[in-house]
Amino acid sequence: MGERMFDVKYEPPQIFVTKRQTGETYKFFVGIDGAVIDDATFDQRDARRAAILYLAQRAGADAVLSMT
């Protein structure tokens, strides 16, 4: 995917995704199950995908840490 297009900041229960190129910030809510619960509009789909990827990577890292 090349250079990261988004910066992600997680402040439960919200996750903020900022597009580097434009500085636009999108806010999504995260449910207690760890899933993004907001429906993204067509122009927000890449930001939503970045939020989901971030949460998935974080969950994977937490799982690895709990195994040690």
PDB file of N, CA and C in Angstrom:
ATOM      1  N   MET A   1       0.823  -1.203   0.000  1.00  0.00           N
ATOM      2  CA  MET A   1       0.000   0.000   0.000  1.00  0.00           C
ATOM      3  C   MET A   1       0.859   1.256   0.000  1.00  0.00           C
ATOM      4  N   GLY A   2       2.158   1.098   0.133  1.00  0.00           N
ATOM      5  CA  GLY A   2       3.029   2.256   0.102  1.00  0.00           C
ATOM      6  C   GLY A   2       2.971   3.050   1.393  1.00  0.00           C
ATOM      7  N   GLU A   3       3.198   4.331   1.278  1.00  0.00           N
ATOM      8  CA  GLU A   3       3.204   5.208   2.447  1.00  0.00           C
ATOM      9  C   GLU A   3       1.819   5.261   3.093  1.00  0.00           C
ATOM     10  N   ARG A   4       1.821   5.299   4.405  1.00  0.00           N
ATOM     11  CA  ARG A   4       0.543   5.394   5.125  1.00  0.00           C
ATOM     12  C   ARG A   4      -0.150   6.696   4.768  1.00  0.00           C
ATOM     13  N   MET A   5      -1.426   6.596   4.466  1.00  0.00           N
ATOM     14  CA  MET A   5      -2.201   7.775   4.084  1.00  0.00           C
ATOM     15  C   MET A   5      -2.919   8.392   5.271  1.00  0.00           C
ATOM     16  N   PHE A   6      -2.980   7.656   6.396  1.00  0.00           N
ATOM     17  CA  PHE A   6      -3.774   8.104   7.531  1.00  0.00           C
ATOM     18  C   PHE A   6      -2.989   7.999   8.830  1.00  0.00           C
ATOM     19  N   ASP A   7      -3.299   8.897   9.744  1.00  0.00           N
ATOM     20  CA  ASP A   7      -2.840   8.793  11.120  1.00  0.00           C
ATOM     21  C   ASP A   7      -4.059   8.439  11.950  1.00  0.00           C
ATOM     22  N   VAL A   8      -3.888   7.511  12.877  1.00  0.00           N
ATOM     23  CA  VAL A   8      -5.011   7.029  13.679  1.00  0.00           C
ATOM     24  C   VAL A   8      -4.718   7.259  15.153  1.00  0.00           C
ATOM     25  N   LYS A   9      -5.713   7.775  15.851  1.00  0.00           N
ATOM     26  CA  LYS A   9      -5.607   7.995  17.296  1.00  0.00           C
ATOM     27  C   LYS A   9      -6.838   7.383  17.940  1.00  0.00           C
ATOM     28  N   TYR A  10      -6.607   6.474  18.883  1.00  0.00           N
ATOM     29  CA  TYR A  10      -7.704   5.764  19.531  1.00  0.00           C
ATOM     30  C   TYR A  10      -7.894   6.286  20.945  1.00  0.00           C
ATOM     31  N   GLU A  11      -9.054   6.856  21.196  1.00  0.00           N
ATOM     32  CA  GLU A  11      -9.445   7.338  22.509  1.00  0.00           C
ATOM     33  C   GLU A  11     -10.822   6.741  22.809  1.00  0.00           C
ATOM     34  N   PRO A  12     -10.836   5.534  23.393  1.00  0.00           N
ATOM     35  CA  PRO A  12     -12.110   4.837  23.598  1.00  0.00           C
ATOM     36  C   PRO A  12     -13.175   5.736  24.211  1.00  0.00           C
ATOM     37  N   PRO A  13     -14.374   5.705  23.686  1.00  0.00           N
ATOM     38  CA  PRO A  13     -14.901   4.798  22.659  1.00  0.00           C
ATOM     39  C   PRO A  13     -14.806   5.379  21.247  1.00  0.00           C
ATOM     40  N   GLN A  14     -13.953   6.356  21.030  1.00  0.00           N
ATOM     41  CA  GLN A  14     -13.846   6.972  19.712  1.00  0.00           C
ATOM     42  C   GLN A  14     -12.497   6.674  19.088  1.00  0.00           C
ATOM     43  N   ILE A  15     -12.500   6.657  17.766  1.00  0.00           N
ATOM     44  CA  ILE A  15     -11.248   6.527  17.021  1.00  0.00           C
ATOM     45  C   ILE A  15     -11.238   7.632  15.978  1.00  0.00           C
ATOM     46  N   PHE A  16     -10.127   8.368  15.922  1.00  0.00           N
ATOM     47  CA  PHE A  16      -9.990   9.496  15.006  1.00  0.00           C
ATOM     48  C   PHE A  16      -9.003   9.118  13.914  1.00  0.00           C
ATOM     49  N   VAL A  17      -9.388   9.347  12.680  1.00  0.00           N
ATOM     50  CA  VAL A  17      -8.554   9.023  11.533  1.00  0.00           C
ATOM     51  C   VAL A  17      -8.334  10.307  10.742  1.00  0.00           C
ATOM     52  N   THR A  18      -7.074  10.718  10.628  1.00  0.00           N
ATOM     53  CA  THR A  18      -6.732  11.949   9.917  1.00  0.00           C
ATOM     54  C   THR A  18      -6.039  11.610   8.608  1.00  0.00           C
ATOM     55  N   LYS A  19      -6.554  12.146   7.538  1.00  0.00           N
ATOM     56  CA  LYS A  19      -5.960  11.935   6.213  1.00  0.00           C
ATOM     57  C   LYS A  19      -4.764  12.876   6.089  1.00  0.00           C
ATOM     58  N   ARG A  20      -3.598  12.320   5.888  1.00  0.00           N
ATOM     59  CA  ARG A  20      -2.366  13.125   5.850  1.00  0.00           C
ATOM     60  C   ARG A  20      -2.371  14.174   4.742  1.00  0.00           C
ATOM     61  N   GLN A  21      -2.871  13.816   3.594  1.00  0.00           N
ATOM     62  CA  GLN A  21      -2.815  14.702   2.436  1.00  0.00           C
ATOM     63  C   GLN A  21      -3.632  15.970   2.637  1.00  0.00           C
ATOM     64  N   THR A  22      -4.800  15.849   3.269  1.00  0.00           N
ATOM     65  CA  THR A  22      -5.706  16.995   3.387  1.00  0.00           C
ATOM     66  C   THR A  22      -5.872  17.512   4.807  1.00  0.00           C
ATOM     67  N   GLY A  23      -5.502  16.701   5.790  1.00  0.00           N
ATOM     68  CA  GLY A  23      -5.695  17.092   7.178  1.00  0.00           C
ATOM     69  C   GLY A  23      -7.109  16.856   7.682  1.00  0.00           C
ATOM     70  N   GLU A  24      -7.975  16.296   6.846  1.00  0.00           N
ATOM     71  CA  GLU A  24      -9.350  16.004   7.262  1.00  0.00           C
ATOM     72  C   GLU A  24      -9.326  14.909   8.330  1.00  0.00           C
ATOM     73  N   THR A  25     -10.137  15.095   9.364  1.00  0.00           N
ATOM     74  CA  THR A  25     -10.228  14.113  10.432  1.00  0.00           C
ATOM     75  C   THR A  25     -11.636  13.543  10.480  1.00  0.00           C
ATOM     76  N   TYR A  26     -11.711  12.223  10.540  1.00  0.00           N
ATOM     77  CA  TYR A  26     -12.982  11.509  10.625  1.00  0.00           C
ATOM     78  C   TYR A  26     -13.065  10.860  12.003  1.00  0.00           C
ATOM     79  N   LYS A  27     -14.241  10.890  12.600  1.00  0.00           N
ATOM     80  CA  LYS A  27     -14.449  10.302  13.913  1.00  0.00           C
ATOM     81  C   LYS A  27     -15.427   9.140  13.784  1.00  0.00           C
ATOM     82  N   PHE A  28     -15.040   8.009  14.350  1.00  0.00           N
ATOM     83  CA  PHE A  28     -15.889   6.831  14.384  1.00  0.00           C
ATOM     84  C   PHE A  28     -16.000   6.369  15.832  1.00  0.00           C
ATOM     85  N   PHE A  29     -17.066   5.668  16.142  1.00  0.00           N
ATOM     86  CA  PHE A  29     -17.237   5.095  17.469  1.00  0.00           C
ATOM     87  C   PHE A  29     -16.928   3.612  17.423  1.00  0.00           C
ATOM     88  N   VAL A  30     -16.361   3.113  18.526  1.00  0.00           N
ATOM     89  CA  VAL A  30     -15.996   1.705  18.638  1.00  0.00           C
ATOM     90  C   VAL A  30     -16.865   1.087  19.723  1.00  0.00           C
ATOM     91  N   GLY A  31     -17.534  -0.008  19.389  1.00  0.00           N
ATOM     92  CA  GLY A  31     -18.399  -0.695  20.340  1.00  0.00           C
ATOM     93  C   GLY A  31     -17.599  -1.450  21.383  1.00  0.00           C
ATOM     94  N   ILE A  32     -18.287  -1.968  22.390  1.00  0.00           N
ATOM     95  CA  ILE A  32     -17.601  -2.701  23.454  1.00  0.00           C
ATOM     96  C   ILE A  32     -16.971  -3.990  22.942  1.00  0.00           C
ATOM     97  N   ASP A  33     -17.423  -4.451  21.778  1.00  0.00           N
ATOM     98  CA  ASP A  33     -16.824  -5.645  21.177  1.00  0.00           C
ATOM     99  C   ASP A  33     -15.597  -5.316  20.325  1.00  0.00           C
ATOM    100  N   GLY A  34     -15.250  -4.031  20.237  1.00  0.00           N
ATOM    101  CA  GLY A  34     -14.073  -3.618  19.485  1.00  0.00           C
ATOM    102  C   GLY A  34     -14.321  -3.340  18.017  1.00  0.00           C
ATOM    103  N   ALA A  35     -15.576  -3.352  17.582  1.00  0.00           N
ATOM    104  CA  ALA A  35     -15.901  -3.123  16.178  1.00  0.00           C
ATOM    105  C   ALA A  35     -16.314  -1.668  15.951  1.00  0.00           C
ATOM    106  N   VAL A  36     -15.981  -1.144  14.789  1.00  0.00           N
ATOM    107  CA  VAL A  36     -16.421   0.195  14.400  1.00  0.00           C
ATOM    108  C   VAL A  36     -17.922   0.120  14.154  1.00  0.00           C
ATOM    109  N   ILE A  37     -18.691   0.978  14.832  1.00  0.00           N
ATOM    110  CA  ILE A  37     -20.149   0.852  14.753  1.00  0.00           C
ATOM    111  C   ILE A  37     -20.807   1.906  13.874  1.00  0.00           C
ATOM    112  N   ASP A  38     -20.054   2.850  13.352  1.00  0.00           N
ATOM    113  CA  ASP A  38     -20.628   3.880  12.487  1.00  0.00           C
ATOM    114  C   ASP A  38     -20.604   3.430  11.036  1.00  0.00           C
ATOM    115  N   ASP A  39     -21.631   3.826  10.309  1.00  0.00           N
ATOM    116  CA  ASP A  39     -21.630   3.611   8.867  1.00  0.00           C
ATOM    117  C   ASP A  39     -20.910   4.778   8.217  1.00  0.00           C
ATOM    118  N   ALA A  40     -19.952   4.479   7.392  1.00  0.00           N
ATOM    119  CA  ALA A  40     -19.198   5.518   6.713  1.00  0.00           C
ATOM    120  C   ALA A  40     -19.854   5.866   5.385  1.00  0.00           C
ATOM    121  N   THR A  41     -19.809   7.137   5.039  1.00  0.00           N
ATOM    122  CA  THR A  41     -20.274   7.542   3.727  1.00  0.00           C
ATOM    123  C   THR A  41     -19.243   7.109   2.688  1.00  0.00           C
ATOM    124  N   PHE A  42     -19.592   7.242   1.435  1.00  0.00           N
ATOM    125  CA  PHE A  42     -18.707   6.799   0.356  1.00  0.00           C
ATOM    126  C   PHE A  42     -17.317   7.422   0.467  1.00  0.00           C
ATOM    127  N   ASP A  43     -17.238   8.722   0.785  1.00  0.00           N
ATOM    128  CA  ASP A  43     -15.941   9.394   0.847  1.00  0.00           C
ATOM    129  C   ASP A  43     -15.175   9.088   2.126  1.00  0.00           C
ATOM    130  N   GLN A  44     -15.803   8.399   3.077  1.00  0.00           N
ATOM    131  CA  GLN A  44     -15.135   8.045   4.328  1.00  0.00           C
ATOM    132  C   GLN A  44     -14.689   6.585   4.365  1.00  0.00           C
ATOM    133  N   ARG A  45     -14.940   5.842   3.323  1.00  0.00           N
ATOM    134  CA  ARG A  45     -14.685   4.402   3.383  1.00  0.00           C
ATOM    135  C   ARG A  45     -13.214   4.066   3.614  1.00  0.00           C
ATOM    136  N   ASP A  46     -12.291   4.825   3.019  1.00  0.00           N
ATOM    137  CA  ASP A  46     -10.870   4.542   3.230  1.00  0.00           C
ATOM    138  C   ASP A  46     -10.460   4.847   4.670  1.00  0.00           C
ATOM    139  N   ALA A  47     -11.012   5.918   5.238  1.00  0.00           N
ATOM    140  CA  ALA A  47     -10.725   6.248   6.632  1.00  0.00           C
ATOM    141  C   ALA A  47     -11.282   5.173   7.556  1.00  0.00           C
ATOM    142  N   ARG A  48     -12.476   4.687   7.269  1.00  0.00           N
ATOM    143  CA  ARG A  48     -13.078   3.622   8.079  1.00  0.00           C
ATOM    144  C   ARG A  48     -12.246   2.355   7.988  1.00  0.00           C
ATOM    145  N   ARG A  49     -11.773   2.056   6.800  1.00  0.00           N
ATOM    146  CA  ARG A  49     -10.923   0.878   6.610  1.00  0.00           C
ATOM    147  C   ARG A  49      -9.632   1.011   7.415  1.00  0.00           C
ATOM    148  N   ALA A  50      -9.052   2.220   7.450  1.00  0.00           N
ATOM    149  CA  ALA A  50      -7.844   2.457   8.243  1.00  0.00           C
ATOM    150  C   ALA A  50      -8.122   2.260   9.728  1.00  0.00           C
ATOM    151  N   ALA A  51      -9.294   2.692  10.196  1.00  0.00           N
ATOM    152  CA  ALA A  51      -9.673   2.503  11.599  1.00  0.00           C
ATOM    153  C   ALA A  51      -9.803   1.018  11.923  1.00  0.00           C
ATOM    154  N   ILE A  52     -10.449   0.263  11.043  1.00  0.00           N
ATOM    155  CA  ILE A  52     -10.634  -1.170  11.261  1.00  0.00           C
ATOM    156  C   ILE A  52      -9.291  -1.889  11.268  1.00  0.00           C
ATOM    157  N   LEU A  53      -8.402  -1.524  10.346  1.00  0.00           N
ATOM    158  CA  LEU A  53      -7.077  -2.131  10.290  1.00  0.00           C
ATOM    159  C   LEU A  53      -6.301  -1.841  11.569  1.00  0.00           C
ATOM    160  N   TYR A  54      -6.367  -0.606  12.041  1.00  0.00           N
ATOM    161  CA  TYR A  54      -5.690  -0.229  13.280  1.00  0.00           C
ATOM    162  C   TYR A  54      -6.199  -1.080  14.451  1.00  0.00           C
ATOM    163  N   LEU A  55      -7.518  -1.199  14.569  1.00  0.00           N
ATOM    164  CA  LEU A  55      -8.098  -1.974  15.661  1.00  0.00           C
ATOM    165  C   LEU A  55      -7.715  -3.449  15.557  1.00  0.00           C
ATOM    166  N   ALA A  56      -7.675  -3.978  14.350  1.00  0.00           N
ATOM    167  CA  ALA A  56      -7.299  -5.378  14.156  1.00  0.00           C
ATOM    168  C   ALA A  56      -5.844  -5.609  14.550  1.00  0.00           C
ATOM    169  N   GLN A  57      -4.967  -4.693  14.157  1.00  0.00           N
ATOM    170  CA  GLN A  57      -3.555  -4.818  14.514  1.00  0.00           C
ATOM    171  C   GLN A  57      -3.375  -4.701  16.026  1.00  0.00           C
ATOM    172  N   ARG A  58      -4.115  -3.802  16.635  1.00  0.00           N
ATOM    173  CA  ARG A  58      -4.045  -3.619  18.087  1.00  0.00           C
ATOM    174  C   ARG A  58      -4.532  -4.877  18.810  1.00  0.00           C
ATOM    175  N   ALA A  59      -5.616  -5.464  18.334  1.00  0.00           N
ATOM    176  CA  ALA A  59      -6.140  -6.689  18.940  1.00  0.00           C
ATOM    177  C   ALA A  59      -5.130  -7.820  18.805  1.00  0.00           C
ATOM    178  N   GLY A  60      -4.477  -7.893  17.657  1.00  0.00           N
ATOM    179  CA  GLY A  60      -3.461  -8.927  17.456  1.00  0.00           C
ATOM    180  C   GLY A  60      -2.273  -8.743  18.383  1.00  0.00           C
ATOM    181  N   ALA A  61      -1.853  -7.506  18.565  1.00  0.00           N
ATOM    182  CA  ALA A  61      -0.733  -7.215  19.470  1.00  0.00           C
ATOM    183  C   ALA A  61      -1.115  -7.527  20.910  1.00  0.00           C
ATOM    184  N   ASP A  62      -2.343  -7.201  21.303  1.00  0.00           N
ATOM    185  CA  ASP A  62      -2.805  -7.511  22.656  1.00  0.00           C
ATOM    186  C   ASP A  62      -2.848  -9.016  22.890  1.00  0.00           C
ATOM    187  N   ALA A  63      -3.263  -9.765  21.875  1.00  0.00           N
ATOM    188  CA  ALA A  63      -3.321 -11.223  21.999  1.00  0.00           C
ATOM    189  C   ALA A  63      -1.923 -11.819  22.165  1.00  0.00           C
ATOM    190  N   VAL A  64      -0.960 -11.292  21.425  1.00  0.00           N
ATOM    191  CA  VAL A  64       0.415 -11.779  21.529  1.00  0.00           C
ATOM    192  C   VAL A  64       0.963 -11.459  22.916  1.00  0.00           C
ATOM    193  N   LEU A  65       0.710 -10.260  23.415  1.00  0.00           N
ATOM    194  CA  LEU A  65       1.204  -9.885  24.741  1.00  0.00           C
ATOM    195  C   LEU A  65       0.596 -10.748  25.842  1.00  0.00           C
ATOM    196  N   SER A  66      -0.661 -11.101  25.685  1.00  0.00           N
ATOM    197  CA  SER A  66      -1.309 -11.914  26.723  1.00  0.00           C
ATOM    198  C   SER A  66      -0.775 -13.353  26.735  1.00  0.00           C
ATOM    199  N   MET A  67      -0.130 -13.768  25.659  1.00  0.00           N
ATOM    200  CA  MET A  67       0.407 -15.120  25.584  1.00  0.00           C
ATOM    201  C   MET A  67       1.783 -15.216  26.229  1.00  0.00           C
ATOM    202  N   THR A  68       2.407 -14.095  26.509  1.00  0.00           N
ATOM    203  CA  THR A  68       3.768 -14.127  27.069  1.00  0.00           C
ATOM    204  C   THR A  68       3.763 -14.210  28.562  1.00  0.00           C
TER     205      THR A  68
END
